[in-house]
Amino acid sequence: MDSSGGLYLPSRTSIRYINAQGVISTIATSAALTTVLEVKLEPQRDDLLIINDGCYIKRVNTVTGVVEALSSSCGTDSGTNGDNGPLNAASFTSNNWLCAFDNAGNLLAASFVRLRKVAVV
């Protein structure tokens, strides 16, 4: 939920927004979105969403609708490639689920049988 009481929802190949008055709009829809499974609002940022799009972690600007891939590949190795490195070098499996943000703004992502901390910048 954002600071004005709105809610972001995944809708397969798009992201929908329901404002506090109940009005529904589409925030992002593009060929860059294939299987949106989960949406998280970045802490202290009503303009950026982190999404689980299959086995990719992506960022969506809620003002412009621009979709940016943050993780680089879809792995088959239980999601361990890229540990201790930058997010754009990490691979995740299709069993990837976003969990939460910690107090420092890091994303905690469950990836197959691992919990991974991702510094999102």
PDB file of N, CA and C in Angstrom:
ATOM      1  N   MET A   1       0.850  -1.169   0.000  1.00  0.00           N
ATOM      2  CA  MET A   1       0.000   0.000   0.000  1.00  0.00           C
ATOM      3  C   MET A   1       0.901   1.240   0.000  1.00  0.00           C
ATOM      4  N   ASP A   2       0.531   2.250  -0.772  1.00  0.00           N
ATOM      5  CA  ASP A   2       1.341   3.458  -0.819  1.00  0.00           C
ATOM      6  C   ASP A   2       0.879   4.461   0.244  1.00  0.00           C
ATOM      7  N   SER A   3       1.553   5.610   0.303  1.00  0.00           N
ATOM      8  CA  SER A   3       1.277   6.586   1.359  1.00  0.00           C
ATOM      9  C   SER A   3      -0.106   7.225   1.252  1.00  0.00           C
ATOM     10  N   SER A   4      -0.750   7.137   0.085  1.00  0.00           N
ATOM     11  CA  SER A   4      -2.089   7.712  -0.068  1.00  0.00           C
ATOM     12  C   SER A   4      -3.189   6.657   0.056  1.00  0.00           C
ATOM     13  N   GLY A   5      -2.809   5.429   0.433  1.00  0.00           N
ATOM     14  CA  GLY A   5      -3.803   4.386   0.633  1.00  0.00           C
ATOM     15  C   GLY A   5      -4.117   3.569  -0.599  1.00  0.00           C
ATOM     16  N   GLY A   6      -3.344   3.734  -1.660  1.00  0.00           N
ATOM     17  CA  GLY A   6      -3.547   2.962  -2.884  1.00  0.00           C
ATOM     18  C   GLY A   6      -2.866   1.607  -2.807  1.00  0.00           C
ATOM     19  N   LEU A   7      -3.316   0.703  -3.641  1.00  0.00           N
ATOM     20  CA  LEU A   7      -2.815  -0.665  -3.635  1.00  0.00           C
ATOM     21  C   LEU A   7      -2.373  -1.064  -5.034  1.00  0.00           C
ATOM     22  N   TYR A   8      -1.192  -1.682  -5.149  1.00  0.00           N
ATOM     23  CA  TYR A   8      -0.676  -2.183  -6.423  1.00  0.00           C
ATOM     24  C   TYR A   8      -0.924  -3.678  -6.492  1.00  0.00           C
ATOM     25  N   LEU A   9      -1.400  -4.152  -7.638  1.00  0.00           N
ATOM     26  CA  LEU A   9      -1.714  -5.568  -7.808  1.00  0.00           C
ATOM     27  C   LEU A   9      -1.112  -6.112  -9.101  1.00  0.00           C
ATOM     28  N   PRO A  10      -0.547  -7.329  -9.047  1.00  0.00           N
ATOM     29  CA  PRO A  10      -0.080  -7.957 -10.276  1.00  0.00           C
ATOM     30  C   PRO A  10      -1.269  -8.469 -11.074  1.00  0.00           C
ATOM     31  N   SER A  11      -1.189  -8.351 -12.382  1.00  0.00           N
ATOM     32  CA  SER A  11      -2.259  -8.835 -13.250  1.00  0.00           C
ATOM     33  C   SER A  11      -1.633  -9.475 -14.486  1.00  0.00           C
ATOM     34  N   ARG A  12      -0.952 -10.588 -14.273  1.00  0.00           N
ATOM     35  CA  ARG A  12      -0.263 -11.370 -15.316  1.00  0.00           C
ATOM     36  C   ARG A  12       0.762 -10.540 -16.097  1.00  0.00           C
ATOM     37  N   THR A  13       0.367  -9.807 -17.124  1.00  0.00           N
ATOM     38  CA  THR A  13       1.320  -9.037 -17.924  1.00  0.00           C
ATOM     39  C   THR A  13       1.199  -7.532 -17.693  1.00  0.00           C
ATOM     40  N   SER A  14       0.603  -7.157 -16.581  1.00  0.00           N
ATOM     41  CA  SER A  14       0.503  -5.736 -16.255  1.00  0.00           C
ATOM     42  C   SER A  14       0.464  -5.552 -14.742  1.00  0.00           C
ATOM     43  N   ILE A  15       0.558  -4.300 -14.333  1.00  0.00           N
ATOM     44  CA  ILE A  15       0.430  -3.946 -12.919  1.00  0.00           C
ATOM     45  C   ILE A  15      -0.702  -2.956 -12.806  1.00  0.00           C
ATOM     46  N   ARG A  16      -1.629  -3.243 -11.927  1.00  0.00           N
ATOM     47  CA  ARG A  16      -2.817  -2.399 -11.731  1.00  0.00           C
ATOM     48  C   ARG A  16      -2.691  -1.646 -10.416  1.00  0.00           C
ATOM     49  N   TYR A  17      -3.345  -0.499 -10.357  1.00  0.00           N
ATOM     50  CA  TYR A  17      -3.348   0.343  -9.162  1.00  0.00           C
ATOM     51  C   TYR A  17      -4.790   0.651  -8.802  1.00  0.00           C
ATOM     52  N   ILE A  18      -5.132   0.440  -7.548  1.00  0.00           N
ATOM     53  CA  ILE A  18      -6.453   0.811  -7.040  1.00  0.00           C
ATOM     54  C   ILE A  18      -6.230   1.920  -6.031  1.00  0.00           C
ATOM     55  N   ASN A  19      -6.747   3.122  -6.343  1.00  0.00           N
ATOM     56  CA  ASN A  19      -6.538   4.233  -5.416  1.00  0.00           C
ATOM     57  C   ASN A  19      -7.474   4.124  -4.220  1.00  0.00           C
ATOM     58  N   ALA A  20      -7.313   5.005  -3.265  1.00  0.00           N
ATOM     59  CA  ALA A  20      -8.086   4.950  -2.017  1.00  0.00           C
ATOM     60  C   ALA A  20      -9.589   5.105  -2.262  1.00  0.00           C
ATOM     61  N   GLN A  21      -9.986   5.661  -3.402  1.00  0.00           N
ATOM     62  CA  GLN A  21     -11.394   5.815  -3.748  1.00  0.00           C
ATOM     63  C   GLN A  21     -11.932   4.611  -4.513  1.00  0.00           C
ATOM     64  N   GLY A  22     -11.074   3.637  -4.806  1.00  0.00           N
ATOM     65  CA  GLY A  22     -11.501   2.430  -5.499  1.00  0.00           C
ATOM     66  C   GLY A  22     -11.385   2.475  -7.005  1.00  0.00           C
ATOM     67  N   VAL A  23     -10.781   3.530  -7.556  1.00  0.00           N
ATOM     68  CA  VAL A  23     -10.617   3.644  -9.003  1.00  0.00           C
ATOM     69  C   VAL A  23      -9.413   2.801  -9.434  1.00  0.00           C
ATOM     70  N   ILE A  24      -9.614   1.960 -10.449  1.00  0.00           N
ATOM     71  CA  ILE A  24      -8.569   1.061 -10.943  1.00  0.00           C
ATOM     72  C   ILE A  24      -7.926   1.639 -12.194  1.00  0.00           C
ATOM     73  N   SER A  25      -6.603   1.609 -12.236  1.00  0.00           N
ATOM     74  CA  SER A  25      -5.883   2.041 -13.441  1.00  0.00           C
ATOM     75  C   SER A  25      -4.723   1.081 -13.681  1.00  0.00           C
ATOM     76  N   THR A  26      -4.194   1.117 -14.902  1.00  0.00           N
ATOM     77  CA  THR A  26      -3.045   0.290 -15.255  1.00  0.00           C
ATOM     78  C   THR A  26      -1.797   1.148 -15.151  1.00  0.00           C
ATOM     79  N   ILE A  27      -0.827   0.691 -14.361  1.00  0.00           N
ATOM     80  CA  ILE A  27       0.425   1.424 -14.162  1.00  0.00           C
ATOM     81  C   ILE A  27       1.435   1.058 -15.241  1.00  0.00           C
ATOM     82  N   ALA A  28       1.566  -0.227 -15.519  1.00  0.00           N
ATOM     83  CA  ALA A  28       2.541  -0.680 -16.510  1.00  0.00           C
ATOM     84  C   ALA A  28       2.013  -1.911 -17.216  1.00  0.00           C
ATOM     85  N   THR A  29       2.192  -1.928 -18.503  1.00  0.00           N
ATOM     86  CA  THR A  29       1.922  -3.114 -19.302  1.00  0.00           C
ATOM     87  C   THR A  29       2.856  -3.047 -20.498  1.00  0.00           C
ATOM     88  N   SER A  30       3.585  -4.107 -20.728  1.00  0.00           N
ATOM     89  CA  SER A  30       4.529  -4.092 -21.847  1.00  0.00           C
ATOM     90  C   SER A  30       4.997  -5.494 -22.139  1.00  0.00           C
ATOM     91  N   ALA A  31       5.726  -5.599 -23.242  1.00  0.00           N
ATOM     92  CA  ALA A  31       6.317  -6.892 -23.589  1.00  0.00           C
ATOM     93  C   ALA A  31       7.378  -7.281 -22.569  1.00  0.00           C
ATOM     94  N   ALA A  32       7.858  -6.311 -21.791  1.00  0.00           N
ATOM     95  CA  ALA A  32       8.867  -6.582 -20.771  1.00  0.00           C
ATOM     96  C   ALA A  32       8.280  -7.278 -19.546  1.00  0.00           C
ATOM     97  N   LEU A  33       6.952  -7.330 -19.451  1.00  0.00           N
ATOM     98  CA  LEU A  33       6.298  -8.015 -18.339  1.00  0.00           C
ATOM     99  C   LEU A  33       5.681  -9.301 -18.866  1.00  0.00           C
ATOM    100  N   THR A  34       6.099 -10.434 -18.328  1.00  0.00           N
ATOM    101  CA  THR A  34       5.610 -11.707 -18.847  1.00  0.00           C
ATOM    102  C   THR A  34       4.730 -12.460 -17.856  1.00  0.00           C
ATOM    103  N   THR A  35       5.145 -12.512 -16.599  1.00  0.00           N
ATOM    104  CA  THR A  35       4.398 -13.262 -15.597  1.00  0.00           C
ATOM    105  C   THR A  35       4.537 -12.554 -14.258  1.00  0.00           C
ATOM    106  N   VAL A  36       3.879 -11.436 -14.090  1.00  0.00           N
ATOM    107  CA  VAL A  36       4.016 -10.678 -12.849  1.00  0.00           C
ATOM    108  C   VAL A  36       3.337 -11.452 -11.728  1.00  0.00           C
ATOM    109  N   LEU A  37       4.128 -11.876 -10.755  1.00  0.00           N
ATOM    110  CA  LEU A  37       3.610 -12.687  -9.665  1.00  0.00           C
ATOM    111  C   LEU A  37       3.432 -11.916  -8.366  1.00  0.00           C
ATOM    112  N   GLU A  38       4.253 -10.914  -8.149  1.00  0.00           N
ATOM    113  CA  GLU A  38       4.228 -10.203  -6.880  1.00  0.00           C
ATOM    114  C   GLU A  38       4.738  -8.788  -7.078  1.00  0.00           C
ATOM    115  N   VAL A  39       4.227  -7.854  -6.282  1.00  0.00           N
ATOM    116  CA  VAL A  39       4.598  -6.449  -6.375  1.00  0.00           C
ATOM    117  C   VAL A  39       4.934  -5.948  -4.973  1.00  0.00           C
ATOM    118  N   LYS A  40       6.041  -5.254  -4.833  1.00  0.00           N
ATOM    119  CA  LYS A  40       6.429  -4.632  -3.571  1.00  0.00           C
ATOM    120  C   LYS A  40       6.791  -3.184  -3.834  1.00  0.00           C
ATOM    121  N   LEU A  41       6.308  -2.287  -2.989  1.00  0.00           N
ATOM    122  CA  LEU A  41       6.637  -0.871  -3.091  1.00  0.00           C
ATOM    123  C   LEU A  41       7.934  -0.626  -2.330  1.00  0.00           C
ATOM    124  N   GLU A  42       8.896   0.050  -2.980  1.00  0.00           N
ATOM    125  CA  GLU A  42      10.148   0.324  -2.298  1.00  0.00           C
ATOM    126  C   GLU A  42       9.888   1.264  -1.118  1.00  0.00           C
ATOM    127  N   PRO A  43      10.563   1.030  -0.004  1.00  0.00           N
ATOM    128  CA  PRO A  43      10.364   1.881   1.176  1.00  0.00           C
ATOM    129  C   PRO A  43      10.661   3.349   0.867  1.00  0.00           C
ATOM    130  N   GLN A  44       9.848   4.227   1.389  1.00  0.00           N
ATOM    131  CA  GLN A  44       9.984   5.675   1.214  1.00  0.00           C
ATOM    132  C   GLN A  44       9.992   6.119  -0.242  1.00  0.00           C
ATOM    133  N   ARG A  45       9.471   5.298  -1.157  1.00  0.00           N
ATOM    134  CA  ARG A  45       9.445   5.649  -2.576  1.00  0.00           C
ATOM    135  C   ARG A  45       8.108   5.244  -3.172  1.00  0.00           C
ATOM    136  N   ASP A  46       7.160   6.136  -3.249  1.00  0.00           N
ATOM    137  CA  ASP A  46       5.878   5.814  -3.860  1.00  0.00           C
ATOM    138  C   ASP A  46       5.972   5.687  -5.376  1.00  0.00           C
ATOM    139  N   ASP A  47       7.152   5.986  -5.947  1.00  0.00           N
ATOM    140  CA  ASP A  47       7.265   5.975  -7.403  1.00  0.00           C
ATOM    141  C   ASP A  47       7.964   4.739  -7.956  1.00  0.00           C
ATOM    142  N   LEU A  48       8.444   3.826  -7.104  1.00  0.00           N
ATOM    143  CA  LEU A  48       9.160   2.658  -7.603  1.00  0.00           C
ATOM    144  C   LEU A  48       8.622   1.367  -7.004  1.00  0.00           C
ATOM    145  N   LEU A  49       8.344   0.406  -7.865  1.00  0.00           N
ATOM    146  CA  LEU A  49       7.902  -0.919  -7.451  1.00  0.00           C
ATOM    147  C   LEU A  49       8.983  -1.919  -7.801  1.00  0.00           C
ATOM    148  N   ILE A  50       9.113  -2.948  -6.983  1.00  0.00           N
ATOM    149  CA  ILE A  50       9.951  -4.089  -7.320  1.00  0.00           C
ATOM    150  C   ILE A  50       8.994  -5.234  -7.593  1.00  0.00           C
ATOM    151  N   ILE A  51       9.183  -5.910  -8.706  1.00  0.00           N
ATOM    152  CA  ILE A  51       8.248  -6.977  -9.056  1.00  0.00           C
ATOM    153  C   ILE A  51       8.974  -8.289  -9.299  1.00  0.00           C
ATOM    154  N   ASN A  52       8.274  -9.367  -9.042  1.00  0.00           N
ATOM    155  CA  ASN A  52       8.722 -10.714  -9.362  1.00  0.00           C
ATOM    156  C   ASN A  52       8.030 -11.064 -10.674  1.00  0.00           C
ATOM    157  N   ASP A  53       8.782 -11.127 -11.742  1.00  0.00           N
ATOM    158  CA  ASP A  53       8.240 -11.433 -13.066  1.00  0.00           C
ATOM    159  C   ASP A  53       8.817 -12.774 -13.505  1.00  0.00           C
ATOM    160  N   GLY A  54       8.217 -13.849 -13.003  1.00  0.00           N
ATOM    161  CA  GLY A  54       8.766 -15.177 -13.261  1.00  0.00           C
ATOM    162  C   GLY A  54      10.022 -15.361 -12.444  1.00  0.00           C
ATOM    163  N   CYS A  55      11.167 -15.475 -13.104  1.00  0.00           N
ATOM    164  CA  CYS A  55      12.418 -15.623 -12.366  1.00  0.00           C
ATOM    165  C   CYS A  55      13.286 -14.375 -12.480  1.00  0.00           C
ATOM    166  N   TYR A  56      12.710 -13.271 -12.893  1.00  0.00           N
ATOM    167  CA  TYR A  56      13.429 -12.007 -12.984  1.00  0.00           C
ATOM    168  C   TYR A  56      12.903 -11.035 -11.942  1.00  0.00           C
ATOM    169  N   ILE A  57      13.797 -10.255 -11.367  1.00  0.00           N
ATOM    170  CA  ILE A  57      13.387  -9.163 -10.498  1.00  0.00           C
ATOM    171  C   ILE A  57      13.484  -7.899 -11.332  1.00  0.00           C
ATOM    172  N   LYS A  58      12.399  -7.145 -11.358  1.00  0.00           N
ATOM    173  CA  LYS A  58      12.337  -5.931 -12.172  1.00  0.00           C
ATOM    174  C   LYS A  58      11.862  -4.760 -11.330  1.00  0.00           C
ATOM    175  N   ARG A  59      12.142  -3.570 -11.825  1.00  0.00           N
ATOM    176  CA  ARG A  59      11.691  -2.335 -11.175  1.00  0.00           C
ATOM    177  C   ARG A  59      10.757  -1.628 -12.151  1.00  0.00           C
ATOM    178  N   VAL A  60       9.673  -1.081 -11.619  1.00  0.00           N
ATOM    179  CA  VAL A  60       8.725  -0.329 -12.436  1.00  0.00           C
ATOM    180  C   VAL A  60       8.565   1.065 -11.840  1.00  0.00           C
ATOM    181  N   ASN A  61       8.743   2.081 -12.666  1.00  0.00           N
ATOM    182  CA  ASN A  61       8.483   3.447 -12.247  1.00  0.00           C
ATOM    183  C   ASN A  61       6.981   3.670 -12.366  1.00  0.00           C
ATOM    184  N   THR A  62       6.315   3.972 -11.252  1.00  0.00           N
ATOM    185  CA  THR A  62       4.855   4.093 -11.262  1.00  0.00           C
ATOM    186  C   THR A  62       4.371   5.360 -11.948  1.00  0.00           C
ATOM    187  N   VAL A  63       5.252   6.315 -12.163  1.00  0.00           N
ATOM    188  CA  VAL A  63       4.866   7.551 -12.847  1.00  0.00           C
ATOM    189  C   VAL A  63       4.953   7.376 -14.356  1.00  0.00           C
ATOM    190  N   THR A  64       6.061   6.795 -14.836  1.00  0.00           N
ATOM    191  CA  THR A  64       6.283   6.673 -16.275  1.00  0.00           C
ATOM    192  C   THR A  64       5.871   5.315 -16.837  1.00  0.00           C
ATOM    193  N   GLY A  65       5.791   4.280 -15.978  1.00  0.00           N
ATOM    194  CA  GLY A  65       5.490   2.932 -16.442  1.00  0.00           C
ATOM    195  C   GLY A  65       6.685   2.208 -17.022  1.00  0.00           C
ATOM    196  N   VAL A  66       7.865   2.813 -16.950  1.00  0.00           N
ATOM    197  CA  VAL A  66       9.077   2.200 -17.499  1.00  0.00           C
ATOM    198  C   VAL A  66       9.466   0.985 -16.654  1.00  0.00           C
ATOM    199  N   VAL A  67       9.752  -0.131 -17.351  1.00  0.00           N
ATOM    200  CA  VAL A  67      10.132  -1.383 -16.707  1.00  0.00           C
ATOM    201  C   VAL A  67      11.629  -1.596 -16.914  1.00  0.00           C
ATOM    202  N   GLU A  68      12.333  -1.889 -15.827  1.00  0.00           N
ATOM    203  CA  GLU A  68      13.779  -2.087 -15.873  1.00  0.00           C
ATOM    204  C   GLU A  68      14.114  -3.442 -15.232  1.00  0.00           C
ATOM    205  N   ALA A  69      14.838  -4.291 -15.954  1.00  0.00           N
ATOM    206  CA  ALA A  69      15.269  -5.573 -15.390  1.00  0.00           C
ATOM    207  C   ALA A  69      16.434  -5.329 -14.441  1.00  0.00           C
ATOM    208  N   LEU A  70      16.331  -5.856 -13.224  1.00  0.00           N
ATOM    209  CA  LEU A  70      17.415  -5.719 -12.260  1.00  0.00           C
ATOM    210  C   LEU A  70      18.273  -6.973 -12.191  1.00  0.00           C
ATOM    211  N   SER A  71      17.663  -8.145 -12.254  1.00  0.00           N
ATOM    212  CA  SER A  71      18.445  -9.378 -12.300  1.00  0.00           C
ATOM    213  C   SER A  71      18.590  -9.779 -13.764  1.00  0.00           C
ATOM    214  N   SER A  72      19.686 -10.474 -14.067  1.00  0.00           N
ATOM    215  CA  SER A  72      20.043 -10.631 -15.475  1.00  0.00           C
ATOM    216  C   SER A  72      19.592 -11.916 -16.135  1.00  0.00           C
ATOM    217  N   SER A  73      19.365 -12.960 -15.352  1.00  0.00           N
ATOM    218  CA  SER A  73      19.078 -14.216 -16.036  1.00  0.00           C
ATOM    219  C   SER A  73      18.206 -15.131 -15.205  1.00  0.00           C
ATOM    220  N   CYS A  74      17.657 -16.106 -15.884  1.00  0.00           N
ATOM    221  CA  CYS A  74      16.814 -17.110 -15.261  1.00  0.00           C
ATOM    222  C   CYS A  74      17.672 -18.354 -15.114  1.00  0.00           C
ATOM    223  N   GLY A  75      17.936 -18.758 -13.882  1.00  0.00           N
ATOM    224  CA  GLY A  75      18.855 -19.865 -13.649  1.00  0.00           C
ATOM    225  C   GLY A  75      18.158 -21.179 -13.375  1.00  0.00           C
ATOM    226  N   THR A  76      18.933 -22.239 -13.443  1.00  0.00           N
ATOM    227  CA  THR A  76      18.433 -23.572 -13.124  1.00  0.00           C
ATOM    228  C   THR A  76      19.280 -24.197 -12.028  1.00  0.00           C
ATOM    229  N   ASP A  77      20.036 -23.369 -11.333  1.00  0.00           N
ATOM    230  CA  ASP A  77      21.019 -23.855 -10.367  1.00  0.00           C
ATOM    231  C   ASP A  77      20.592 -23.602  -8.925  1.00  0.00           C
ATOM    232  N   SER A  78      19.321 -23.642  -8.665  1.00  0.00           N
ATOM    233  CA  SER A  78      18.776 -23.344  -7.333  1.00  0.00           C
ATOM    234  C   SER A  78      18.988 -21.901  -6.936  1.00  0.00           C
ATOM    235  N   GLY A  79      19.290 -21.046  -7.910  1.00  0.00           N
ATOM    236  CA  GLY A  79      19.383 -19.619  -7.651  1.00  0.00           C
ATOM    237  C   GLY A  79      20.585 -19.190  -6.857  1.00  0.00           C
ATOM    238  N   THR A  80      21.760 -19.746  -7.135  1.00  0.00           N
ATOM    239  CA  THR A  80      22.951 -19.348  -6.392  1.00  0.00           C
ATOM    240  C   THR A  80      23.906 -18.483  -7.203  1.00  0.00           C
ATOM    241  N   ASN A  81      23.772 -18.450  -8.530  1.00  0.00           N
ATOM    242  CA  ASN A  81      24.669 -17.613  -9.335  1.00  0.00           C
ATOM    243  C   ASN A  81      24.520 -16.163  -8.934  1.00  0.00           C
ATOM    244  N   GLY A  82      25.651 -15.502  -8.754  1.00  0.00           N
ATOM    245  CA  GLY A  82      25.642 -14.091  -8.422  1.00  0.00           C
ATOM    246  C   GLY A  82      25.681 -13.786  -6.955  1.00  0.00           C
ATOM    247  N   ASP A  83      25.739 -14.797  -6.086  1.00  0.00           N
ATOM    248  CA  ASP A  83      25.856 -14.520  -4.650  1.00  0.00           C
ATOM    249  C   ASP A  83      27.085 -13.662  -4.402  1.00  0.00           C
ATOM    250  N   ASN A  84      26.955 -12.689  -3.521  1.00  0.00           N
ATOM    251  CA  ASN A  84      28.033 -11.761  -3.140  1.00  0.00           C
ATOM    252  C   ASN A  84      28.477 -10.871  -4.298  1.00  0.00           C
ATOM    253  N   GLY A  85      27.598 -10.673  -5.249  1.00  0.00           N
ATOM    254  CA  GLY A  85      27.908  -9.806  -6.373  1.00  0.00           C
ATOM    255  C   GLY A  85      26.734  -8.881  -6.665  1.00  0.00           C
ATOM    256  N   PRO A  86      26.836  -8.102  -7.732  1.00  0.00           N
ATOM    257  CA  PRO A  86      25.759  -7.172  -8.070  1.00  0.00           C
ATOM    258  C   PRO A  86      24.499  -7.908  -8.536  1.00  0.00           C
ATOM    259  N   LEU A  87      23.357  -7.293  -8.322  1.00  0.00           N
ATOM    260  CA  LEU A  87      22.080  -7.903  -8.684  1.00  0.00           C
ATOM    261  C   LEU A  87      21.998  -8.217 -10.170  1.00  0.00           C
ATOM    262  N   ASN A  88      22.565  -7.363 -11.014  1.00  0.00           N
ATOM    263  CA  ASN A  88      22.456  -7.613 -12.452  1.00  0.00           C
ATOM    264  C   ASN A  88      23.299  -8.804 -12.911  1.00  0.00           C
ATOM    265  N   ALA A  89      24.091  -9.394 -12.010  1.00  0.00           N
ATOM    266  CA  ALA A  89      24.842 -10.607 -12.330  1.00  0.00           C
ATOM    267  C   ALA A  89      24.194 -11.837 -11.709  1.00  0.00           C
ATOM    268  N   ALA A  90      23.134 -11.644 -10.968  1.00  0.00           N
ATOM    269  CA  ALA A  90      22.496 -12.757 -10.257  1.00  0.00           C
ATOM    270  C   ALA A  90      21.453 -13.441 -11.125  1.00  0.00           C
ATOM    271  N   SER A  91      21.322 -14.731 -10.923  1.00  0.00           N
ATOM    272  CA  SER A  91      20.226 -15.456 -11.566  1.00  0.00           C
ATOM    273  C   SER A  91      19.326 -16.009 -10.471  1.00  0.00           C
ATOM    274  N   PHE A  92      18.062 -16.101 -10.789  1.00  0.00           N
ATOM    275  CA  PHE A  92      17.067 -16.620  -9.870  1.00  0.00           C
ATOM    276  C   PHE A  92      16.316 -17.734 -10.572  1.00  0.00           C
ATOM    277  N   THR A  93      15.728 -18.613  -9.812  1.00  0.00           N
ATOM    278  CA  THR A  93      14.942 -19.683 -10.401  1.00  0.00           C
ATOM    279  C   THR A  93      13.497 -19.242 -10.537  1.00  0.00           C
ATOM    280  N   SER A  94      12.706 -20.036 -11.207  1.00  0.00           N
ATOM    281  CA  SER A  94      11.288 -19.700 -11.344  1.00  0.00           C
ATOM    282  C   SER A  94      10.547 -19.859 -10.024  1.00  0.00           C
ATOM    283  N   ASN A  95      11.184 -20.432  -9.027  1.00  0.00           N
ATOM    284  CA  ASN A  95      10.593 -20.538  -7.693  1.00  0.00           C
ATOM    285  C   ASN A  95      10.998 -19.349  -6.840  1.00  0.00           C
ATOM    286  N   ASN A  96      11.091 -18.198  -7.444  1.00  0.00           N
ATOM    287  CA  ASN A  96      11.565 -16.992  -6.794  1.00  0.00           C
ATOM    288  C   ASN A  96      10.388 -16.212  -6.231  1.00  0.00           C
ATOM    289  N   TRP A  97      10.468 -15.848  -4.980  1.00  0.00           N
ATOM    290  CA  TRP A  97       9.397 -15.072  -4.360  1.00  0.00           C
ATOM    291  C   TRP A  97       9.992 -13.907  -3.617  1.00  0.00           C
ATOM    292  N   LEU A  98       9.470 -12.724  -3.861  1.00  0.00           N
ATOM    293  CA  LEU A  98       9.882 -11.560  -3.095  1.00  0.00           C
ATOM    294  C   LEU A  98       9.288 -11.674  -1.708  1.00  0.00           C
ATOM    295  N   CYS A  99      10.009 -11.245  -0.729  1.00  0.00           N
ATOM    296  CA  CYS A  99       9.514 -11.374   0.638  1.00  0.00           C
ATOM    297  C   CYS A  99       9.198 -10.025   1.263  1.00  0.00           C
ATOM    298  N   ALA A 100      10.215  -9.219   1.488  1.00  0.00           N
ATOM    299  CA  ALA A 100      10.018  -7.974   2.220  1.00  0.00           C
ATOM    300  C   ALA A 100      11.249  -7.099   2.048  1.00  0.00           C
ATOM    301  N   PHE A 101      11.144  -5.886   2.518  1.00  0.00           N
ATOM    302  CA  PHE A 101      12.298  -4.995   2.605  1.00  0.00           C
ATOM    303  C   PHE A 101      12.719  -4.914   4.061  1.00  0.00           C
ATOM    304  N   ASP A 102      14.025  -4.873   4.310  1.00  0.00           N
ATOM    305  CA  ASP A 102      14.491  -4.670   5.674  1.00  0.00           C
ATOM    306  C   ASP A 102      14.553  -3.176   5.967  1.00  0.00           C
ATOM    307  N   ASN A 103      14.976  -2.796   7.181  1.00  0.00           N
ATOM    308  CA  ASN A 103      15.001  -1.384   7.581  1.00  0.00           C
ATOM    309  C   ASN A 103      15.978  -0.552   6.770  1.00  0.00           C
ATOM    310  N   ALA A 104      16.968  -1.187   6.162  1.00  0.00           N
ATOM    311  CA  ALA A 104      17.953  -0.469   5.350  1.00  0.00           C
ATOM    312  C   ALA A 104      17.514  -0.343   3.895  1.00  0.00           C
ATOM    313  N   GLY A 105      16.359  -0.902   3.536  1.00  0.00           N
ATOM    314  CA  GLY A 105      15.869  -0.820   2.168  1.00  0.00           C
ATOM    315  C   GLY A 105      16.323  -1.952   1.274  1.00  0.00           C
ATOM    316  N   ASN A 106      16.989  -2.956   1.841  1.00  0.00           N
ATOM    317  CA  ASN A 106      17.396  -4.131   1.069  1.00  0.00           C
ATOM    318  C   ASN A 106      16.205  -5.045   0.871  1.00  0.00           C
ATOM    319  N   LEU A 107      16.111  -5.623  -0.301  1.00  0.00           N
ATOM    320  CA  LEU A 107      15.060  -6.578  -0.596  1.00  0.00           C
ATOM    321  C   LEU A 107      15.498  -7.956  -0.124  1.00  0.00           C
ATOM    322  N   LEU A 108      14.639  -8.648   0.607  1.00  0.00           N
ATOM    323  CA  LEU A 108      14.893 -10.019   1.013  1.00  0.00           C
ATOM    324  C   LEU A 108      14.064 -10.895   0.093  1.00  0.00           C
ATOM    325  N   ALA A 109      14.734 -11.712  -0.712  1.00  0.00           N
ATOM    326  CA  ALA A 109      14.048 -12.530  -1.713  1.00  0.00           C
ATOM    327  C   ALA A 109      14.311 -13.997  -1.438  1.00  0.00           C
ATOM    328  N   ALA A 110      13.251 -14.753  -1.325  1.00  0.00           N
ATOM    329  CA  ALA A 110      13.396 -16.198  -1.193  1.00  0.00           C
ATOM    330  C   ALA A 110      13.586 -16.759  -2.591  1.00  0.00           C
ATOM    331  N   SER A 111      14.655 -17.500  -2.788  1.00  0.00           N
ATOM    332  CA  SER A 111      14.967 -18.058  -4.092  1.00  0.00           C
ATOM    333  C   SER A 111      15.185 -19.557  -3.939  1.00  0.00           C
ATOM    334  N   PHE A 112      14.179 -20.315  -4.311  1.00  0.00           N
ATOM    335  CA  PHE A 112      14.199 -21.765  -4.195  1.00  0.00           C
ATOM    336  C   PHE A 112      14.371 -22.136  -2.732  1.00  0.00           C
ATOM    337  N   VAL A 113      15.537 -22.579  -2.314  1.00  0.00           N
ATOM    338  CA  VAL A 113      15.735 -22.978  -0.918  1.00  0.00           C
ATOM    339  C   VAL A 113      16.642 -22.003  -0.179  1.00  0.00           C
ATOM    340  N   ARG A 114      16.798 -20.819  -0.727  1.00  0.00           N
ATOM    341  CA  ARG A 114      17.704 -19.823  -0.136  1.00  0.00           C
ATOM    342  C   ARG A 114      16.968 -18.513   0.097  1.00  0.00           C
ATOM    343  N   LEU A 115      17.391 -17.788   1.129  1.00  0.00           N
ATOM    344  CA  LEU A 115      16.928 -16.429   1.343  1.00  0.00           C
ATOM    345  C   LEU A 115      18.069 -15.518   0.961  1.00  0.00           C
ATOM    346  N   ARG A 116      17.804 -14.608   0.013  1.00  0.00           N
ATOM    347  CA  ARG A 116      18.855 -13.744  -0.486  1.00  0.00           C
ATOM    348  C   ARG A 116      18.554 -12.301  -0.159  1.00  0.00           C
ATOM    349  N   LYS A 117      19.583 -11.561   0.250  1.00  0.00           N
ATOM    350  CA  LYS A 117      19.461 -10.138   0.519  1.00  0.00           C
ATOM    351  C   LYS A 117      19.984  -9.398  -0.700  1.00  0.00           C
ATOM    352  N   VAL A 118      19.151  -8.513  -1.220  1.00  0.00           N
ATOM    353  CA  VAL A 118      19.469  -7.795  -2.448  1.00  0.00           C
ATOM    354  C   VAL A 118      19.494  -6.308  -2.151  1.00  0.00           C
ATOM    355  N   ALA A 119      20.622  -5.655  -2.380  1.00  0.00           N
ATOM    356  CA  ALA A 119      20.711  -4.203  -2.223  1.00  0.00           C
ATOM    357  C   ALA A 119      20.156  -3.575  -3.498  1.00  0.00           C
ATOM    358  N   VAL A 120      19.039  -2.881  -3.386  1.00  0.00           N
ATOM    359  CA  VAL A 120      18.403  -2.249  -4.530  1.00  0.00           C
ATOM    360  C   VAL A 120      18.779  -0.788  -4.530  1.00  0.00           C
ATOM    361  N   VAL A 121      19.361  -0.318  -5.641  1.00  0.00           N
ATOM    362  CA  VAL A 121      19.763   1.092  -5.729  1.00  0.00           C
ATOM    363  C   VAL A 121      19.036   1.787  -6.846  1.00  0.00           C
TER     364      VAL A 121
END
